[in-house]
């Protein structure tokens, strides 16, 4: 997922990368959360569903606008 995010959101000429950092924290039972600017974008722990990279990318895109 981290690779998909970095590859999807590319910097524009003369700008830094739009994603400042990605932190991956291992968790039990395949749980993970995606947080952008301190706001929860997706939580597998909350939904119990493993989502797609495309879904996460779209949710991140909404937050970066």
PDB file of N, CA and C in Angstrom:
ATOM      1  N   UNK A   1       0.816  -1.181   0.000  1.00  0.00           N
ATOM      2  CA  UNK A   1       0.000   0.000   0.000  1.00  0.00           C
ATOM      3  C   UNK A   1       0.868   1.257   0.000  1.00  0.00           C
ATOM      4  N   UNK A   2       1.941   1.257   0.794  1.00  0.00           N
ATOM      5  CA  UNK A   2       2.817   2.432   0.854  1.00  0.00           C
ATOM      6  C   UNK A   2       3.400   2.729  -0.522  1.00  0.00           C
ATOM      7  N   UNK A   3       3.838   1.694  -1.215  1.00  0.00           N
ATOM      8  CA  UNK A   3       4.397   1.871  -2.558  1.00  0.00           C
ATOM      9  C   UNK A   3       3.344   2.431  -3.514  1.00  0.00           C
ATOM     10  N   UNK A   4       2.139   1.934  -3.427  1.00  0.00           N
ATOM     11  CA  UNK A   4       1.065   2.427  -4.300  1.00  0.00           C
ATOM     12  C   UNK A   4       0.795   3.908  -4.039  1.00  0.00           C
ATOM     13  N   UNK A   5       0.806   4.321  -2.786  1.00  0.00           N
ATOM     14  CA  UNK A   5       0.569   5.728  -2.455  1.00  0.00           C
ATOM     15  C   UNK A   5       1.704   6.614  -2.986  1.00  0.00           C
ATOM     16  N   UNK A   6       2.948   6.209  -2.749  1.00  0.00           N
ATOM     17  CA  UNK A   6       4.090   7.004  -3.213  1.00  0.00           C
ATOM     18  C   UNK A   6       4.094   7.107  -4.727  1.00  0.00           C
ATOM     19  N   UNK A   7       3.798   6.026  -5.407  1.00  0.00           N
ATOM     20  CA  UNK A   7       3.800   6.030  -6.872  1.00  0.00           C
ATOM     21  C   UNK A   7       2.621   6.793  -7.462  1.00  0.00           C
ATOM     22  N   UNK A   8       1.510   6.827  -6.771  1.00  0.00           N
ATOM     23  CA  UNK A   8       0.322   7.521  -7.270  1.00  0.00           C
ATOM     24  C   UNK A   8       0.433   9.025  -7.118  1.00  0.00           C
ATOM     25  N   UNK A   9       0.901   9.468  -5.975  1.00  0.00           N
ATOM     26  CA  UNK A   9       0.968  10.902  -5.684  1.00  0.00           C
ATOM     27  C   UNK A   9       2.387  11.395  -5.915  1.00  0.00           C
ATOM     28  N   UNK A  10       2.620  11.896  -7.106  1.00  0.00           N
ATOM     29  CA  UNK A  10       3.944  12.372  -7.496  1.00  0.00           C
ATOM     30  C   UNK A  10       4.034  13.881  -7.302  1.00  0.00           C
ATOM     31  N   UNK A  11       5.219  14.373  -6.956  1.00  0.00           N
ATOM     32  CA  UNK A  11       5.380  15.827  -6.794  1.00  0.00           C
ATOM     33  C   UNK A  11       5.299  16.534  -8.140  1.00  0.00           C
ATOM     34  N   UNK A  12       4.809  17.758  -8.119  1.00  0.00           N
ATOM     35  CA  UNK A  12       4.831  18.581  -9.320  1.00  0.00           C
ATOM     36  C   UNK A  12       6.202  19.241  -9.403  1.00  0.00           C
ATOM     37  N   UNK A  13       6.548  19.754 -10.545  1.00  0.00           N
ATOM     38  CA  UNK A  13       7.860  20.358 -10.757  1.00  0.00           C
ATOM     39  C   UNK A  13       8.098  21.462  -9.724  1.00  0.00           C
ATOM     40  N   UNK A  14       9.233  21.391  -9.055  1.00  0.00           N
ATOM     41  CA  UNK A  14       9.596  22.396  -8.070  1.00  0.00           C
ATOM     42  C   UNK A  14       8.926  22.241  -6.719  1.00  0.00           C
ATOM     43  N   UNK A  15       8.131  21.204  -6.538  1.00  0.00           N
ATOM     44  CA  UNK A  15       7.411  20.988  -5.277  1.00  0.00           C
ATOM     45  C   UNK A  15       7.936  19.723  -4.601  1.00  0.00           C
ATOM     46  N   UNK A  16       7.752  19.657  -3.306  1.00  0.00           N
ATOM     47  CA  UNK A  16       8.095  18.432  -2.588  1.00  0.00           C
ATOM     48  C   UNK A  16       6.983  17.405  -2.791  1.00  0.00           C
ATOM     49  N   UNK A  17       7.261  16.184  -2.424  1.00  0.00           N
ATOM     50  CA  UNK A  17       6.269  15.119  -2.567  1.00  0.00           C
ATOM     51  C   UNK A  17       5.048  15.468  -1.716  1.00  0.00           C
ATOM     52  N   UNK A  18       3.834  15.264  -2.238  1.00  0.00           N
ATOM     53  CA  UNK A  18       2.632  15.616  -1.482  1.00  0.00           C
ATOM     54  C   UNK A  18       2.430  14.772  -0.218  1.00  0.00           C
ATOM     55  N   UNK A  19       3.092  13.629  -0.142  1.00  0.00           N
ATOM     56  CA  UNK A  19       3.020  12.806   1.063  1.00  0.00           C
ATOM     57  C   UNK A  19       4.321  13.009   1.819  1.00  0.00           C
ATOM     58  N   UNK A  20       4.218  13.645   2.967  1.00  0.00           N
ATOM     59  CA  UNK A  20       5.409  13.959   3.762  1.00  0.00           C
ATOM     60  C   UNK A  20       6.052  12.708   4.344  1.00  0.00           C
ATOM     61  N   UNK A  21       5.212  11.799   4.861  1.00  0.00           N
ATOM     62  CA  UNK A  21       5.757  10.563   5.415  1.00  0.00           C
ATOM     63  C   UNK A  21       4.687   9.490   5.453  1.00  0.00           C
ATOM     64  N   UNK A  22       5.152   8.258   5.418  1.00  0.00           N
ATOM     65  CA  UNK A  22       4.293   7.090   5.569  1.00  0.00           C
ATOM     66  C   UNK A  22       4.914   6.259   6.671  1.00  0.00           C
ATOM     67  N   UNK A  23       4.136   5.945   7.668  1.00  0.00           N
ATOM     68  CA  UNK A  23       4.619   5.142   8.783  1.00  0.00           C
ATOM     69  C   UNK A  23       3.827   3.840   8.793  1.00  0.00           C
ATOM     70  N   UNK A  24       4.534   2.729   8.766  1.00  0.00           N
ATOM     71  CA  UNK A  24       3.893   1.426   8.820  1.00  0.00           C
ATOM     72  C   UNK A  24       4.148   0.824  10.188  1.00  0.00           C
ATOM     73  N   UNK A  25       3.097   0.537  10.905  1.00  0.00           N
ATOM     74  CA  UNK A  25       3.193  -0.062  12.230  1.00  0.00           C
ATOM     75  C   UNK A  25       2.546  -1.439  12.201  1.00  0.00           C
ATOM     76  N   UNK A  26       3.326  -2.488  12.394  1.00  0.00           N
ATOM     77  CA  UNK A  26       2.749  -3.827  12.400  1.00  0.00           C
ATOM     78  C   UNK A  26       1.713  -3.973  13.509  1.00  0.00           C
ATOM     79  N   UNK A  27       0.683  -4.720  13.210  1.00  0.00           N
ATOM     80  CA  UNK A  27      -0.372  -4.964  14.176  1.00  0.00           C
ATOM     81  C   UNK A  27      -0.819  -6.409  14.034  1.00  0.00           C
ATOM     82  N   UNK A  28      -1.434  -6.928  15.028  1.00  0.00           N
ATOM     83  CA  UNK A  28      -1.881  -8.309  14.988  1.00  0.00           C
ATOM     84  C   UNK A  28      -3.093  -8.522  14.104  1.00  0.00           C
ATOM     85  N   UNK A  29      -3.249  -9.722  13.619  1.00  0.00           N
ATOM     86  CA  UNK A  29      -4.419 -10.158  12.853  1.00  0.00           C
ATOM     87  C   UNK A  29      -4.638  -9.363  11.572  1.00  0.00           C
ATOM     88  N   UNK A  30      -3.560  -8.765  11.015  1.00  0.00           N
ATOM     89  CA  UNK A  30      -3.680  -8.052   9.743  1.00  0.00           C
ATOM     90  C   UNK A  30      -4.416  -6.732   9.827  1.00  0.00           C
ATOM     91  N   UNK A  31      -4.588  -6.206  11.025  1.00  0.00           N
ATOM     92  CA  UNK A  31      -5.278  -4.923  11.176  1.00  0.00           C
ATOM     93  C   UNK A  31      -4.350  -3.786  10.768  1.00  0.00           C
ATOM     94  N   UNK A  32      -4.941  -2.737  10.246  1.00  0.00           N
ATOM     95  CA  UNK A  32      -4.175  -1.538   9.905  1.00  0.00           C
ATOM     96  C   UNK A  32      -5.119  -0.354   9.833  1.00  0.00           C
ATOM     97  N   UNK A  33      -4.530   0.821   9.942  1.00  0.00           N
ATOM     98  CA  UNK A  33      -5.282   2.061   9.802  1.00  0.00           C
ATOM     99  C   UNK A  33      -4.524   2.977   8.871  1.00  0.00           C
ATOM    100  N   UNK A  34      -5.243   3.805   8.149  1.00  0.00           N
ATOM    101  CA  UNK A  34      -4.642   4.815   7.290  1.00  0.00           C
ATOM    102  C   UNK A  34      -5.105   6.164   7.822  1.00  0.00           C
ATOM    103  N   UNK A  35      -4.133   7.007   8.161  1.00  0.00           N
ATOM    104  CA  UNK A  35      -4.418   8.321   8.728  1.00  0.00           C
ATOM    105  C   UNK A  35      -3.736   9.373   7.871  1.00  0.00           C
ATOM    106  N   UNK A  36      -4.469  10.406   7.497  1.00  0.00           N
ATOM    107  CA  UNK A  36      -3.928  11.519   6.714  1.00  0.00           C
ATOM    108  C   UNK A  36      -4.157  12.796   7.498  1.00  0.00           C
ATOM    109  N   UNK A  37      -3.080  13.538   7.713  1.00  0.00           N
ATOM    110  CA  UNK A  37      -3.160  14.800   8.456  1.00  0.00           C
ATOM    111  C   UNK A  37      -3.911  14.636   9.782  1.00  0.00           C
ATOM    112  N   UNK A  38      -3.647  13.527  10.464  1.00  0.00           N
ATOM    113  CA  UNK A  38      -4.244  13.292  11.762  1.00  0.00           C
ATOM    114  C   UNK A  38      -5.681  12.807  11.739  1.00  0.00           C
ATOM    115  N   UNK A  39      -6.226  12.589  10.540  1.00  0.00           N
ATOM    116  CA  UNK A  39      -7.620  12.141  10.428  1.00  0.00           C
ATOM    117  C   UNK A  39      -7.673  10.725   9.860  1.00  0.00           C
ATOM    118  N   UNK A  40      -8.465   9.897  10.495  1.00  0.00           N
ATOM    119  CA  UNK A  40      -8.603   8.508  10.076  1.00  0.00           C
ATOM    120  C   UNK A  40      -9.277   8.428   8.713  1.00  0.00           C
ATOM    121  N   UNK A  41      -8.610   7.755   7.784  1.00  0.00           N
ATOM    122  CA  UNK A  41      -9.148   7.544   6.439  1.00  0.00           C
ATOM    123  C   UNK A  41      -9.784   6.162   6.351  1.00  0.00           C
ATOM    124  N   UNK A  42      -9.119   5.178   6.960  1.00  0.00           N
ATOM    125  CA  UNK A  42      -9.635   3.811   6.898  1.00  0.00           C
ATOM    126  C   UNK A  42      -9.099   3.021   8.076  1.00  0.00           C
ATOM    127  N   UNK A  43      -9.921   2.163   8.632  1.00  0.00           N
ATOM    128  CA  UNK A  43      -9.518   1.289   9.723  1.00  0.00           C
ATOM    129  C   UNK A  43     -10.046  -0.116   9.477  1.00  0.00           C
ATOM    130  N   UNK A  44      -9.126  -1.041   9.254  1.00  0.00           N
ATOM    131  CA  UNK A  44      -9.559  -2.419   9.105  1.00  0.00           C
ATOM    132  C   UNK A  44     -10.088  -2.950  10.433  1.00  0.00           C
ATOM    133  N   UNK A  45      -9.504  -2.476  11.540  1.00  0.00           N
ATOM    134  CA  UNK A  45      -9.981  -2.904  12.853  1.00  0.00           C
ATOM    135  C   UNK A  45     -11.446  -2.519  13.051  1.00  0.00           C
ATOM    136  N   UNK A  46     -11.827  -1.344  12.560  1.00  0.00           N
ATOM    137  CA  UNK A  46     -13.203  -0.876  12.729  1.00  0.00           C
ATOM    138  C   UNK A  46     -14.169  -1.555  11.764  1.00  0.00           C
ATOM    139  N   UNK A  47     -13.708  -1.782  10.515  1.00  0.00           N
ATOM    140  CA  UNK A  47     -14.612  -2.336   9.506  1.00  0.00           C
ATOM    141  C   UNK A  47     -14.582  -3.858   9.443  1.00  0.00           C
ATOM    142  N   UNK A  48     -13.429  -4.441   9.794  1.00  0.00           N
ATOM    143  CA  UNK A  48     -13.273  -5.885   9.672  1.00  0.00           C
ATOM    144  C   UNK A  48     -13.097  -6.336   8.243  1.00  0.00           C
ATOM    145  N   UNK A  49     -12.914  -5.382   7.332  1.00  0.00           N
ATOM    146  CA  UNK A  49     -12.816  -5.671   5.902  1.00  0.00           C
ATOM    147  C   UNK A  49     -11.470  -5.200   5.377  1.00  0.00           C
ATOM    148  N   UNK A  50     -10.806  -6.065   4.607  1.00  0.00           N
ATOM    149  CA  UNK A  50      -9.567  -5.674   3.942  1.00  0.00           C
ATOM    150  C   UNK A  50      -9.953  -4.960   2.649  1.00  0.00           C
ATOM    151  N   UNK A  51      -9.591  -3.698   2.533  1.00  0.00           N
ATOM    152  CA  UNK A  51      -9.970  -2.914   1.361  1.00  0.00           C
ATOM    153  C   UNK A  51      -8.896  -2.999   0.281  1.00  0.00           C
ATOM    154  N   UNK A  52      -9.131  -2.324  -0.823  1.00  0.00           N
ATOM    155  CA  UNK A  52      -8.166  -2.324  -1.927  1.00  0.00           C
ATOM    156  C   UNK A  52      -7.281  -1.081  -1.866  1.00  0.00           C
ATOM    157  N   UNK A  53      -6.121  -1.169  -2.509  1.00  0.00           N
ATOM    158  CA  UNK A  53      -5.250   0.001  -2.636  1.00  0.00           C
ATOM    159  C   UNK A  53      -5.991   1.138  -3.326  1.00  0.00           C
ATOM    160  N   UNK A  54      -6.789   0.810  -4.324  1.00  0.00           N
ATOM    161  CA  UNK A  54      -7.510   1.826  -5.077  1.00  0.00           C
ATOM    162  C   UNK A  54      -8.461   2.615  -4.179  1.00  0.00           C
ATOM    163  N   UNK A  55      -9.126   1.925  -3.278  1.00  0.00           N
ATOM    164  CA  UNK A  55     -10.037   2.601  -2.344  1.00  0.00           C
ATOM    165  C   UNK A  55      -9.259   3.551  -1.434  1.00  0.00           C
ATOM    166  N   UNK A  56      -8.156   3.083  -0.893  1.00  0.00           N
ATOM    167  CA  UNK A  56      -7.336   3.914  -0.015  1.00  0.00           C
ATOM    168  C   UNK A  56      -6.785   5.109  -0.784  1.00  0.00           C
ATOM    169  N   UNK A  57      -6.312   4.896  -2.005  1.00  0.00           N
ATOM    170  CA  UNK A  57      -5.783   5.993  -2.828  1.00  0.00           C
ATOM    171  C   UNK A  57      -6.858   7.046  -3.049  1.00  0.00           C
ATOM    172  N   UNK A  58      -8.070   6.644  -3.344  1.00  0.00           N
ATOM    173  CA  UNK A  58      -9.153   7.600  -3.565  1.00  0.00           C
ATOM    174  C   UNK A  58      -9.468   8.384  -2.291  1.00  0.00           C
ATOM    175  N   UNK A  59      -9.468   7.705  -1.160  1.00  0.00           N
ATOM    176  CA  UNK A  59      -9.726   8.385   0.110  1.00  0.00           C
ATOM    177  C   UNK A  59      -8.604   9.370   0.444  1.00  0.00           C
ATOM    178  N   UNK A  60      -7.358   8.990   0.191  1.00  0.00           N
ATOM    179  CA  UNK A  60      -6.227   9.899   0.418  1.00  0.00           C
ATOM    180  C   UNK A  60      -6.304  11.077  -0.524  1.00  0.00           C
ATOM    181  N   UNK A  61      -6.653  10.812  -1.772  1.00  0.00           N
ATOM    182  CA  UNK A  61      -6.784  11.898  -2.764  1.00  0.00           C
ATOM    183  C   UNK A  61      -7.781  12.957  -2.279  1.00  0.00           C
ATOM    184  N   UNK A  62      -8.893  12.537  -1.717  1.00  0.00           N
ATOM    185  CA  UNK A  62      -9.895  13.468  -1.187  1.00  0.00           C
ATOM    186  C   UNK A  62      -9.288  14.346  -0.104  1.00  0.00           C
ATOM    187  N   UNK A  63      -8.438  13.769   0.747  1.00  0.00           N
ATOM    188  CA  UNK A  63      -7.859  14.521   1.863  1.00  0.00           C
ATOM    189  C   UNK A  63      -6.756  15.477   1.423  1.00  0.00           C
ATOM    190  N   UNK A  64      -6.098  15.161   0.305  1.00  0.00           N
ATOM    191  CA  UNK A  64      -4.972  15.998  -0.151  1.00  0.00           C
ATOM    192  C   UNK A  64      -5.414  17.184  -0.984  1.00  0.00           C
ATOM    193  N   UNK A  65      -6.688  17.278  -1.321  1.00  0.00           N
ATOM    194  CA  UNK A  65      -7.173  18.399  -2.141  1.00  0.00           C
ATOM    195  C   UNK A  65      -7.239  19.670  -1.349  1.00  0.00           C
TER     196      UNK A  65
END
